[in-house]
Amino acid sequence: MPNGCVLKAWWDPVTSPSETRKRSLSLMGHQTSVSLENAFWEVLDQAAQERGISLAHLVKEVDATRMGNLSSALRLYALEWVKRDLI
């Protein structure tokens, strides 16, 4: 798989922003899963689309530079992405 990351998702597409959605990931050959609220997944999807990369690639980038757990790092990335439009 290119970029070393495979992303799979399962969720009900009609859910509230605060509901948690779990995605299964393969990062550099290791299986893991990430649970985030729908609102964060939406921001991450938008960020990846605007950058012209896959969500899997974005997660791989965050994973490579994170200092804490992956869920927290993805939430912080999403927050920073949204903040850039406020300044």
N, C-alpha and C. Protein backbone atom coordinates (compact mmCIF):
# COMPACT_ATOMS: atom_id res chain seq x y z
N MET A 1 0.84 -1.18 0.00
CA MET A 1 0.00 0.00 0.00
C MET A 1 0.88 1.24 0.00
N PRO A 2 0.63 2.21 -0.89
CA PRO A 2 1.42 3.44 -0.90
C PRO A 2 1.29 4.19 0.42
N ASN A 3 2.32 4.88 0.79
CA ASN A 3 2.37 5.71 1.99
C ASN A 3 2.33 4.92 3.29
N GLY A 4 2.25 3.61 3.26
CA GLY A 4 2.30 2.80 4.46
C GLY A 4 1.08 2.88 5.35
N CYS A 5 -0.07 3.35 4.85
CA CYS A 5 -1.26 3.50 5.69
C CYS A 5 -2.50 3.06 4.93
N VAL A 6 -3.31 2.23 5.57
CA VAL A 6 -4.58 1.80 5.02
C VAL A 6 -5.65 2.23 5.99
N LEU A 7 -6.73 2.81 5.50
CA LEU A 7 -7.78 3.33 6.36
C LEU A 7 -9.11 2.70 5.99
N LYS A 8 -9.82 2.18 7.00
CA LYS A 8 -11.15 1.63 6.80
C LYS A 8 -12.07 2.27 7.82
N ALA A 9 -13.33 2.45 7.47
CA ALA A 9 -14.26 3.09 8.40
C ALA A 9 -15.56 2.33 8.45
N TRP A 10 -16.21 2.39 9.61
CA TRP A 10 -17.56 1.88 9.72
C TRP A 10 -18.32 2.82 10.64
N TRP A 11 -19.47 3.30 10.18
CA TRP A 11 -20.29 4.20 10.97
C TRP A 11 -21.62 4.41 10.27
N ASP A 12 -22.53 4.92 11.02
CA ASP A 12 -23.81 5.33 10.49
C ASP A 12 -23.63 6.74 9.92
N PRO A 13 -23.87 6.95 8.63
CA PRO A 13 -23.63 8.27 8.04
C PRO A 13 -24.55 9.37 8.58
N VAL A 14 -25.63 9.01 9.25
CA VAL A 14 -26.54 10.00 9.79
C VAL A 14 -26.36 10.03 11.32
N THR A 15 -25.32 10.71 11.75
CA THR A 15 -25.00 10.75 13.18
C THR A 15 -24.72 12.19 13.60
N SER A 16 -24.76 12.43 14.89
CA SER A 16 -24.51 13.78 15.40
C SER A 16 -23.01 14.05 15.47
N PRO A 17 -22.62 15.33 15.50
CA PRO A 17 -21.20 15.69 15.56
C PRO A 17 -20.49 15.16 16.80
N SER A 18 -21.22 14.96 17.90
CA SER A 18 -20.58 14.52 19.13
C SER A 18 -20.46 13.01 19.24
N GLU A 19 -21.13 12.27 18.35
CA GLU A 19 -21.01 10.82 18.39
C GLU A 19 -19.62 10.40 17.95
N THR A 20 -19.13 9.37 18.58
CA THR A 20 -17.79 8.86 18.29
C THR A 20 -17.85 7.86 17.15
N ARG A 21 -16.89 7.98 16.26
CA ARG A 21 -16.76 7.08 15.12
C ARG A 21 -15.38 6.43 15.22
N LYS A 22 -15.31 5.15 15.03
CA LYS A 22 -14.05 4.41 15.13
C LYS A 22 -13.60 4.02 13.72
N ARG A 23 -12.32 4.23 13.46
CA ARG A 23 -11.74 3.83 12.17
C ARG A 23 -10.55 2.91 12.43
N SER A 24 -10.48 1.89 11.65
CA SER A 24 -9.39 0.94 11.74
C SER A 24 -8.28 1.37 10.80
N LEU A 25 -7.05 1.34 11.29
CA LEU A 25 -5.91 1.81 10.51
C LEU A 25 -4.79 0.78 10.47
N SER A 26 -4.07 0.80 9.40
CA SER A 26 -2.81 0.09 9.33
C SER A 26 -1.74 1.14 9.10
N LEU A 27 -0.94 1.42 10.13
CA LEU A 27 0.13 2.41 10.04
C LEU A 27 1.47 1.70 10.04
N MET A 28 2.16 1.83 8.94
CA MET A 28 3.47 1.20 8.79
C MET A 28 3.41 -0.30 9.11
N GLY A 29 2.32 -0.93 8.69
CA GLY A 29 2.17 -2.37 8.85
C GLY A 29 1.58 -2.82 10.17
N HIS A 30 1.25 -1.89 11.07
CA HIS A 30 0.68 -2.24 12.37
C HIS A 30 -0.79 -1.83 12.42
N GLN A 31 -1.65 -2.77 12.82
CA GLN A 31 -3.08 -2.49 12.94
C GLN A 31 -3.36 -1.70 14.21
N THR A 32 -4.20 -0.70 14.10
CA THR A 32 -4.65 0.08 15.24
C THR A 32 -6.02 0.64 14.91
N SER A 33 -6.67 1.24 15.86
CA SER A 33 -7.94 1.91 15.59
C SER A 33 -7.94 3.25 16.31
N VAL A 34 -8.70 4.18 15.75
CA VAL A 34 -8.78 5.52 16.29
C VAL A 34 -10.25 5.88 16.44
N SER A 35 -10.62 6.36 17.62
CA SER A 35 -11.98 6.83 17.87
C SER A 35 -11.96 8.34 18.03
N LEU A 36 -12.75 9.01 17.21
CA LEU A 36 -12.91 10.46 17.29
C LEU A 36 -14.37 10.82 17.10
N GLU A 37 -14.76 11.97 17.60
CA GLU A 37 -16.09 12.47 17.36
C GLU A 37 -16.25 12.80 15.88
N ASN A 38 -17.49 12.67 15.37
CA ASN A 38 -17.75 12.93 13.96
C ASN A 38 -17.27 14.30 13.51
N ALA A 39 -17.41 15.31 14.36
CA ALA A 39 -16.98 16.66 14.00
C ALA A 39 -15.49 16.70 13.66
N PHE A 40 -14.68 15.96 14.40
CA PHE A 40 -13.24 15.94 14.11
C PHE A 40 -12.96 15.21 12.80
N TRP A 41 -13.64 14.07 12.57
CA TRP A 41 -13.44 13.36 11.31
C TRP A 41 -13.82 14.24 10.12
N GLU A 42 -14.89 15.03 10.27
CA GLU A 42 -15.30 15.92 9.18
C GLU A 42 -14.23 16.96 8.87
N VAL A 43 -13.64 17.55 9.91
CA VAL A 43 -12.57 18.54 9.70
C VAL A 43 -11.36 17.86 9.07
N LEU A 44 -10.99 16.69 9.54
CA LEU A 44 -9.84 15.99 8.97
C LEU A 44 -10.08 15.61 7.52
N ASP A 45 -11.30 15.16 7.20
CA ASP A 45 -11.65 14.85 5.81
C ASP A 45 -11.50 16.10 4.93
N GLN A 46 -12.01 17.23 5.44
CA GLN A 46 -11.93 18.49 4.70
C GLN A 46 -10.47 18.92 4.51
N ALA A 47 -9.67 18.82 5.56
CA ALA A 47 -8.26 19.20 5.48
C ALA A 47 -7.53 18.37 4.43
N ALA A 48 -7.76 17.06 4.46
CA ALA A 48 -7.11 16.19 3.48
C ALA A 48 -7.54 16.55 2.07
N GLN A 49 -8.83 16.78 1.89
CA GLN A 49 -9.34 17.12 0.56
C GLN A 49 -8.74 18.44 0.07
N GLU A 50 -8.71 19.45 0.93
CA GLU A 50 -8.14 20.75 0.54
C GLU A 50 -6.65 20.65 0.23
N ARG A 51 -5.96 19.77 0.92
CA ARG A 51 -4.52 19.59 0.68
C ARG A 51 -4.24 18.67 -0.50
N GLY A 52 -5.27 18.02 -1.01
CA GLY A 52 -5.10 17.13 -2.15
C GLY A 52 -4.44 15.80 -1.80
N ILE A 53 -4.65 15.35 -0.56
CA ILE A 53 -4.10 14.08 -0.11
C ILE A 53 -5.23 13.22 0.45
N SER A 54 -4.98 11.96 0.61
CA SER A 54 -5.98 11.08 1.21
C SER A 54 -6.01 11.29 2.73
N LEU A 55 -7.12 10.91 3.32
CA LEU A 55 -7.21 10.97 4.78
C LEU A 55 -6.16 10.04 5.40
N ALA A 56 -5.95 8.90 4.77
CA ALA A 56 -4.94 7.96 5.27
C ALA A 56 -3.55 8.61 5.29
N HIS A 57 -3.23 9.37 4.26
CA HIS A 57 -1.93 10.05 4.21
C HIS A 57 -1.83 11.12 5.30
N LEU A 58 -2.92 11.86 5.52
CA LEU A 58 -2.92 12.87 6.58
C LEU A 58 -2.70 12.22 7.94
N VAL A 59 -3.39 11.11 8.19
CA VAL A 59 -3.21 10.41 9.47
C VAL A 59 -1.77 9.94 9.61
N LYS A 60 -1.19 9.47 8.53
CA LYS A 60 0.22 9.03 8.57
C LYS A 60 1.14 10.19 8.93
N GLU A 61 0.89 11.37 8.35
CA GLU A 61 1.71 12.54 8.67
C GLU A 61 1.60 12.92 10.15
N VAL A 62 0.38 12.94 10.66
CA VAL A 62 0.17 13.27 12.07
C VAL A 62 0.85 12.23 12.96
N ASP A 63 0.70 10.97 12.60
CA ASP A 63 1.30 9.89 13.38
C ASP A 63 2.82 10.03 13.44
N ALA A 64 3.43 10.46 12.36
CA ALA A 64 4.90 10.57 12.30
C ALA A 64 5.44 11.69 13.17
N THR A 65 4.59 12.67 13.49
CA THR A 65 5.09 13.83 14.25
C THR A 65 4.48 13.96 15.64
N ARG A 66 3.62 13.04 16.01
CA ARG A 66 2.91 13.19 17.29
C ARG A 66 3.80 12.90 18.49
N MET A 67 3.42 13.51 19.63
CA MET A 67 4.13 13.26 20.87
C MET A 67 3.25 12.50 21.86
N GLY A 68 1.93 12.60 21.73
CA GLY A 68 1.00 11.89 22.60
C GLY A 68 0.33 10.77 21.84
N ASN A 69 -0.90 10.45 22.26
CA ASN A 69 -1.61 9.39 21.54
C ASN A 69 -2.19 9.92 20.24
N LEU A 70 -2.49 9.02 19.33
CA LEU A 70 -2.92 9.41 17.98
C LEU A 70 -4.25 10.15 17.99
N SER A 71 -5.20 9.72 18.79
CA SER A 71 -6.50 10.41 18.83
C SER A 71 -6.32 11.87 19.25
N SER A 72 -5.55 12.10 20.27
CA SER A 72 -5.31 13.47 20.73
C SER A 72 -4.58 14.28 19.66
N ALA A 73 -3.61 13.69 19.03
CA ALA A 73 -2.85 14.40 17.99
C ALA A 73 -3.76 14.77 16.82
N LEU A 74 -4.67 13.89 16.45
CA LEU A 74 -5.60 14.20 15.36
C LEU A 74 -6.58 15.29 15.75
N ARG A 75 -7.05 15.29 16.99
CA ARG A 75 -7.93 16.36 17.46
C ARG A 75 -7.21 17.71 17.42
N LEU A 76 -5.95 17.73 17.87
CA LEU A 76 -5.17 18.97 17.86
C LEU A 76 -4.91 19.45 16.43
N TYR A 77 -4.66 18.52 15.51
CA TYR A 77 -4.46 18.89 14.11
C TYR A 77 -5.74 19.54 13.58
N ALA A 78 -6.90 18.92 13.86
CA ALA A 78 -8.18 19.46 13.41
C ALA A 78 -8.42 20.86 13.99
N LEU A 79 -8.11 21.03 15.27
CA LEU A 79 -8.27 22.33 15.92
C LEU A 79 -7.40 23.39 15.23
N GLU A 80 -6.15 23.06 14.98
CA GLU A 80 -5.25 23.99 14.30
C GLU A 80 -5.74 24.31 12.89
N TRP A 81 -6.29 23.33 12.21
CA TRP A 81 -6.81 23.53 10.86
C TRP A 81 -7.95 24.54 10.87
N VAL A 82 -8.85 24.41 11.84
CA VAL A 82 -9.98 25.32 11.95
C VAL A 82 -9.51 26.71 12.38
N LYS A 83 -8.58 26.78 13.30
CA LYS A 83 -8.07 28.06 13.80
C LYS A 83 -7.43 28.90 12.70
N ARG A 84 -6.85 28.26 11.72
CA ARG A 84 -6.16 29.03 10.66
C ARG A 84 -7.13 29.95 9.91
N ASP A 85 -8.40 29.57 9.85
CA ASP A 85 -9.41 30.39 9.18
C ASP A 85 -9.93 31.52 10.05
N LEU A 86 -9.62 31.49 11.33
CA LEU A 86 -10.12 32.49 12.26
C LEU A 86 -9.18 33.68 12.41
N ILE A 87 -7.96 33.50 11.97
CA ILE A 87 -6.94 34.56 12.15
C ILE A 87 -6.85 35.43 10.90
